[in-house]
Amino acid sequence: MSDLPENDQHMPLVSHLTELRTRLLRCVAAVFIIFAGLFAFTQQIYTFVSTPLRQYLPVGATMIATDVSSPFLTPLKLTMMVSLFLAIPVILHQIWGFIAPGLYKHEKRIAVPLLVSSILLFYTGMAFAYYFVFPLIFKFFAAATPAGVEMMTDITSYLDFVMTLFFAFGVAFEIPVAVVLLVWIGVVDVKYLKKIRPYVIIGCFVVGMILTPPDIFSQTLLAVPMWMLFEIGILFGSLVSKRERPDETVDDHNDQPPATQP
């Protein structure tokens, strides 16, 4: 029996568009429901996110707001971004629900672990940035402040800075999933990935140079994890390719037309 999609039926374009609209509305609703629940804690959320910097400010120094509306709008903007990040599982679930009916059974077997791991890796990257990278970076900045200059960071500038790093580390931690997907769909093979390893290492440091502050310390903090995650992706990619070969052999055998009787 061939491996066919479970819902192997044609749907009108209007039905697809209607389902897509419904799932997009669910995603938007999930973000706003989470935002409504967090709205009362906007100040506390910003206080929590700004802790890695405030603990290295000089004695008596504080963060500042250079715009009249910043004390209100900046924590509100942060809360909306936090709501979006927290709604990622719901958003990915809606995307999965939209594309799953058209997938084969063997595709679903690998797609579900990739979906779950992508969510966990994104959150792990953000946690790594907050608990490990931020303290080291802000300690370095505080120590590098010239004499006679008081370190007083604007709250809006700080938010833009940390959200960029949050997103950079969250996406960087998706490298194993990207590598496994490329191997799985046949764009590259594991041997080729091992061959280009030196170029990947250089690319990791280039990306770290672009996405982090202009110091070799913070660049290395992003580049080295990216390289290690690439190696993890090669490891799991080799496991996926080994498992797929027997299935492909069986599928190719099942796809052959039956022999005609003489």
Protein backbone atom coordinates (compact mmCIF):
# COMPACT_ATOMS: atom_id res chain seq x y z
CA MET A 1 0.00 0.00 0.00
CA SER A 2 1.49 3.38 -0.98
CA ASP A 3 2.07 6.12 1.54
CA LEU A 4 -0.58 8.72 0.70
CA PRO A 5 -1.77 11.80 2.56
CA GLU A 6 -4.49 10.96 5.05
CA ASN A 7 -6.80 13.64 3.62
CA ASP A 8 -6.06 13.06 -0.05
CA GLN A 9 -8.87 15.15 -1.50
CA HIS A 10 -9.11 18.31 -3.52
CA MET A 11 -10.46 21.45 -1.86
CA PRO A 12 -11.70 24.58 -3.64
CA LEU A 13 -9.46 27.63 -3.45
CA VAL A 14 -12.13 29.51 -1.51
CA SER A 15 -12.14 26.78 1.15
CA HIS A 16 -8.36 27.05 1.52
CA LEU A 17 -8.55 30.83 1.83
CA THR A 18 -11.37 30.59 4.37
CA GLU A 19 -9.40 28.14 6.50
CA LEU A 20 -6.29 30.31 6.22
CA ARG A 21 -8.23 33.35 7.40
CA THR A 22 -9.68 31.41 10.31
CA ARG A 23 -6.28 30.23 11.45
CA LEU A 24 -4.75 33.71 11.09
CA LEU A 25 -7.56 35.12 13.24
CA ARG A 26 -6.84 32.46 15.86
CA CYS A 27 -3.18 33.48 15.89
CA VAL A 28 -4.07 37.15 16.32
CA ALA A 29 -6.60 36.28 19.01
CA ALA A 30 -4.02 34.22 20.91
CA VAL A 31 -1.57 37.15 20.92
CA PHE A 32 -4.17 39.63 22.17
CA ILE A 33 -5.53 37.26 24.81
CA ILE A 34 -2.02 36.81 26.22
CA PHE A 35 -1.45 40.56 25.98
CA ALA A 36 -4.67 41.24 27.88
CA GLY A 37 -3.52 38.91 30.64
CA LEU A 38 -0.10 40.59 30.86
CA PHE A 39 -1.28 44.19 30.51
CA ALA A 40 -1.44 44.77 34.26
CA PHE A 41 2.19 43.63 34.61
CA THR A 42 3.83 45.81 31.94
CA GLN A 43 6.05 47.65 34.44
CA GLN A 44 7.12 44.44 36.18
CA ILE A 45 7.95 42.81 32.83
CA TYR A 46 10.19 45.70 31.84
CA THR A 47 11.84 45.64 35.26
CA PHE A 48 12.59 41.96 34.82
CA VAL A 49 14.00 42.39 31.31
CA SER A 50 16.14 45.37 32.35
CA THR A 51 17.66 43.60 35.38
CA PRO A 52 20.83 42.39 33.55
CA LEU A 53 21.73 46.03 32.80
CA ARG A 54 20.58 47.71 36.02
CA GLN A 55 22.67 45.45 38.20
CA TYR A 56 25.83 46.82 36.55
CA LEU A 57 24.89 50.49 36.62
CA PRO A 58 27.06 52.67 38.86
CA VAL A 59 25.79 53.38 42.36
CA GLY A 60 23.07 56.01 42.19
CA ALA A 61 22.66 55.75 38.41
CA THR A 62 19.33 54.80 36.82
CA MET A 63 17.89 54.23 33.39
CA ILE A 64 16.33 57.28 31.79
CA ALA A 65 13.45 58.12 29.45
CA THR A 66 14.27 60.81 26.88
CA ASP A 67 10.78 60.91 25.38
CA VAL A 68 7.63 62.06 27.16
CA SER A 69 5.63 58.93 26.31
CA SER A 70 8.46 56.42 26.76
CA PRO A 71 7.65 55.47 30.38
CA PHE A 72 4.26 54.21 29.19
CA LEU A 73 4.78 53.12 25.59
CA THR A 74 8.09 51.26 26.01
CA PRO A 75 6.85 48.74 28.63
CA LEU A 76 3.65 48.39 26.55
CA LYS A 77 5.69 47.61 23.43
CA LEU A 78 7.74 45.07 25.36
CA THR A 79 4.60 43.37 26.68
CA MET A 80 3.24 43.06 23.14
CA MET A 81 6.50 41.45 22.00
CA VAL A 82 6.45 39.08 24.97
CA SER A 83 2.86 38.15 24.09
CA LEU A 84 3.95 37.38 20.53
CA PHE A 85 6.82 35.20 21.76
CA LEU A 86 4.54 33.33 24.18
CA ALA A 87 1.98 32.76 21.41
CA ILE A 88 4.53 31.06 19.15
CA PRO A 89 3.33 27.52 20.09
CA VAL A 90 -0.22 28.49 19.13
CA ILE A 91 0.93 30.12 15.90
CA LEU A 92 3.01 27.11 14.89
CA HIS A 93 0.14 24.78 15.81
CA GLN A 94 -2.17 26.71 13.48
CA ILE A 95 0.43 26.55 10.70
CA TRP A 96 0.76 22.82 11.30
CA GLY A 97 -3.02 22.36 11.20
CA PHE A 98 -3.14 24.12 7.84
CA ILE A 99 -0.39 22.15 6.10
CA ALA A 100 -0.71 18.77 7.85
CA PRO A 101 -3.61 17.40 5.73
CA GLY A 102 -1.39 17.55 2.65
CA LEU A 103 1.56 15.71 4.18
CA TYR A 104 2.43 12.04 3.86
CA LYS A 105 2.57 9.87 6.94
CA HIS A 106 6.37 9.62 6.88
CA GLU A 107 6.56 13.40 6.55
CA LYS A 108 4.37 13.84 9.61
CA ARG A 109 6.57 11.48 11.61
CA ILE A 110 9.52 13.83 11.25
CA ALA A 111 7.60 17.12 11.05
CA VAL A 112 6.10 16.84 14.54
CA PRO A 113 9.47 16.42 16.34
CA LEU A 114 10.91 19.26 14.27
CA LEU A 115 7.97 21.49 15.20
CA VAL A 116 8.31 20.80 18.92
CA SER A 117 12.10 21.10 18.90
CA SER A 118 11.96 24.41 17.01
CA ILE A 119 9.76 25.90 19.75
CA LEU A 120 12.00 24.62 22.54
CA LEU A 121 15.18 25.76 20.79
CA PHE A 122 13.82 29.26 20.20
CA TYR A 123 12.97 29.67 23.88
CA THR A 124 16.32 28.14 24.86
CA GLY A 125 18.13 30.70 22.72
CA MET A 126 16.28 33.56 24.40
CA ALA A 127 17.00 32.15 27.86
CA PHE A 128 20.67 31.72 26.95
CA ALA A 129 20.81 35.37 25.89
CA TYR A 130 19.12 36.63 29.05
CA TYR A 131 20.87 34.55 31.71
CA PHE A 132 24.33 34.16 30.16
CA VAL A 133 25.03 36.68 27.40
CA PHE A 134 23.41 39.84 28.79
CA PRO A 135 25.27 39.84 32.13
CA LEU A 136 28.61 39.36 30.37
CA ILE A 137 27.95 42.05 27.76
CA PHE A 138 26.66 44.67 30.22
CA LYS A 139 29.48 43.96 32.65
CA PHE A 140 31.91 44.58 29.79
CA PHE A 141 30.16 47.82 28.78
CA ALA A 142 30.10 49.07 32.38
CA ALA A 143 33.81 48.35 32.77
CA ALA A 144 34.61 50.04 29.45
CA THR A 145 32.81 53.29 30.32
CA PRO A 146 35.37 56.14 30.21
CA ALA A 147 36.17 58.09 33.34
CA GLY A 148 33.92 61.10 33.79
CA VAL A 149 31.07 59.47 31.82
CA GLU A 150 28.05 58.22 33.76
CA MET A 151 26.30 55.20 32.26
CA MET A 152 22.57 56.06 32.03
CA THR A 153 20.82 54.11 29.27
CA ASP A 154 17.57 55.22 27.63
CA ILE A 155 14.80 52.66 28.17
CA THR A 156 13.73 52.68 24.51
CA SER A 157 17.28 52.15 23.25
CA TYR A 158 17.73 49.33 25.73
CA LEU A 159 14.52 47.65 24.55
CA ASP A 160 15.57 47.81 20.90
CA PHE A 161 19.00 46.42 21.82
CA VAL A 162 17.79 43.44 23.87
CA MET A 163 14.96 42.53 21.48
CA THR A 164 17.47 42.37 18.64
CA LEU A 165 19.65 40.00 20.66
CA PHE A 166 16.65 37.96 21.82
CA PHE A 167 15.59 37.45 18.21
CA ALA A 168 19.16 36.80 17.04
CA PHE A 169 19.81 34.10 19.62
CA GLY A 170 16.34 32.60 19.21
CA VAL A 171 16.84 32.25 15.45
CA ALA A 172 20.45 31.08 15.87
CA PHE A 173 19.30 28.21 18.07
CA GLU A 174 17.08 27.04 15.19
CA ILE A 175 20.17 25.97 13.23
CA PRO A 176 19.81 22.22 14.06
CA VAL A 177 16.22 22.26 12.79
CA ALA A 178 17.26 24.05 9.59
CA VAL A 179 20.10 21.59 8.98
CA VAL A 180 17.84 18.56 9.52
CA LEU A 181 15.22 20.02 7.16
CA LEU A 182 17.80 20.64 4.43
CA VAL A 183 19.07 17.08 4.73
CA TRP A 184 15.58 15.63 4.90
CA ILE A 185 14.25 17.35 1.76
CA GLY A 186 17.45 16.51 -0.12
CA VAL A 187 18.86 20.01 -0.67
CA VAL A 188 22.20 18.97 0.84
CA ASP A 189 23.69 15.80 2.30
CA VAL A 190 25.72 15.26 5.45
CA LYS A 191 28.97 14.77 3.53
CA TYR A 192 28.60 18.17 1.90
CA LEU A 193 27.84 19.83 5.24
CA LYS A 194 30.99 18.34 6.73
CA LYS A 195 32.96 19.52 3.71
CA ILE A 196 31.86 23.15 4.12
CA ARG A 197 32.40 23.17 7.90
CA PRO A 198 35.30 25.71 7.75
CA TYR A 199 33.15 28.14 5.75
CA VAL A 200 30.27 27.69 8.20
CA ILE A 201 32.55 28.55 11.13
CA ILE A 202 33.65 31.75 9.37
CA GLY A 203 30.02 32.53 8.57
CA CYS A 204 29.05 32.11 12.24
CA PHE A 205 31.58 34.75 13.26
CA VAL A 206 30.42 37.06 10.47
CA VAL A 207 26.82 36.74 11.66
CA GLY A 208 27.96 37.30 15.24
CA MET A 209 29.79 40.44 14.13
CA ILE A 210 26.65 41.78 12.44
CA LEU A 211 24.08 40.95 15.13
CA THR A 212 26.02 41.74 18.29
CA PRO A 213 27.78 44.83 19.66
CA PRO A 214 31.16 45.67 18.12
CA ASP A 215 33.39 43.68 20.46
CA ILE A 216 34.98 40.28 19.95
CA PHE A 217 33.63 39.03 23.28
CA SER A 218 29.91 39.25 22.46
CA GLN A 219 30.53 38.15 18.88
CA THR A 220 32.13 34.95 20.15
CA LEU A 221 29.22 34.35 22.54
CA LEU A 222 26.92 34.08 19.52
CA ALA A 223 29.30 32.51 16.99
CA VAL A 224 30.47 29.56 19.12
CA PRO A 225 26.92 28.36 20.04
CA MET A 226 25.93 28.67 16.38
CA TRP A 227 28.85 26.46 15.38
CA MET A 228 28.03 23.87 18.06
CA LEU A 229 24.38 23.87 17.01
CA PHE A 230 25.46 23.30 13.41
CA GLU A 231 27.40 20.23 14.56
CA ILE A 232 24.31 18.99 16.42
CA GLY A 233 22.29 19.50 13.25
CA ILE A 234 24.80 17.39 11.28
CA LEU A 235 24.49 14.63 13.89
CA PHE A 236 20.70 14.50 13.73
CA GLY A 237 20.75 15.00 9.96
CA SER A 238 22.83 11.85 9.58
CA LEU A 239 20.30 9.95 11.71
CA VAL A 240 17.42 11.23 9.57
CA SER A 241 19.14 10.27 6.31
CA LYS A 242 19.81 6.75 7.62
CA ARG A 243 16.19 6.27 8.62
CA GLU A 244 14.80 7.67 5.39
CA ARG A 245 16.73 5.38 3.07
CA PRO A 246 14.84 2.15 3.97
CA ASP A 247 11.51 3.96 3.76
CA GLU A 248 12.36 5.40 0.36
CA THR A 249 13.29 1.93 -0.87
CA VAL A 250 9.97 0.55 0.29
CA ASP A 251 8.07 3.48 -1.22
CA ASP A 252 9.84 3.11 -4.54
CA HIS A 253 8.97 -0.60 -4.57
CA ASN A 254 5.35 0.17 -3.73
CA ASP A 255 5.14 2.82 -6.42
CA GLN A 256 6.04 0.33 -9.15
CA PRO A 257 3.10 -0.83 -11.26
CA PRO A 258 1.96 -4.43 -10.67
CA ALA A 259 3.37 -7.02 -13.03
CA THR A 260 0.97 -8.11 -15.75
CA GLN A 261 0.04 -11.76 -15.94
CA PRO A 262 0.94 -13.58 -19.22
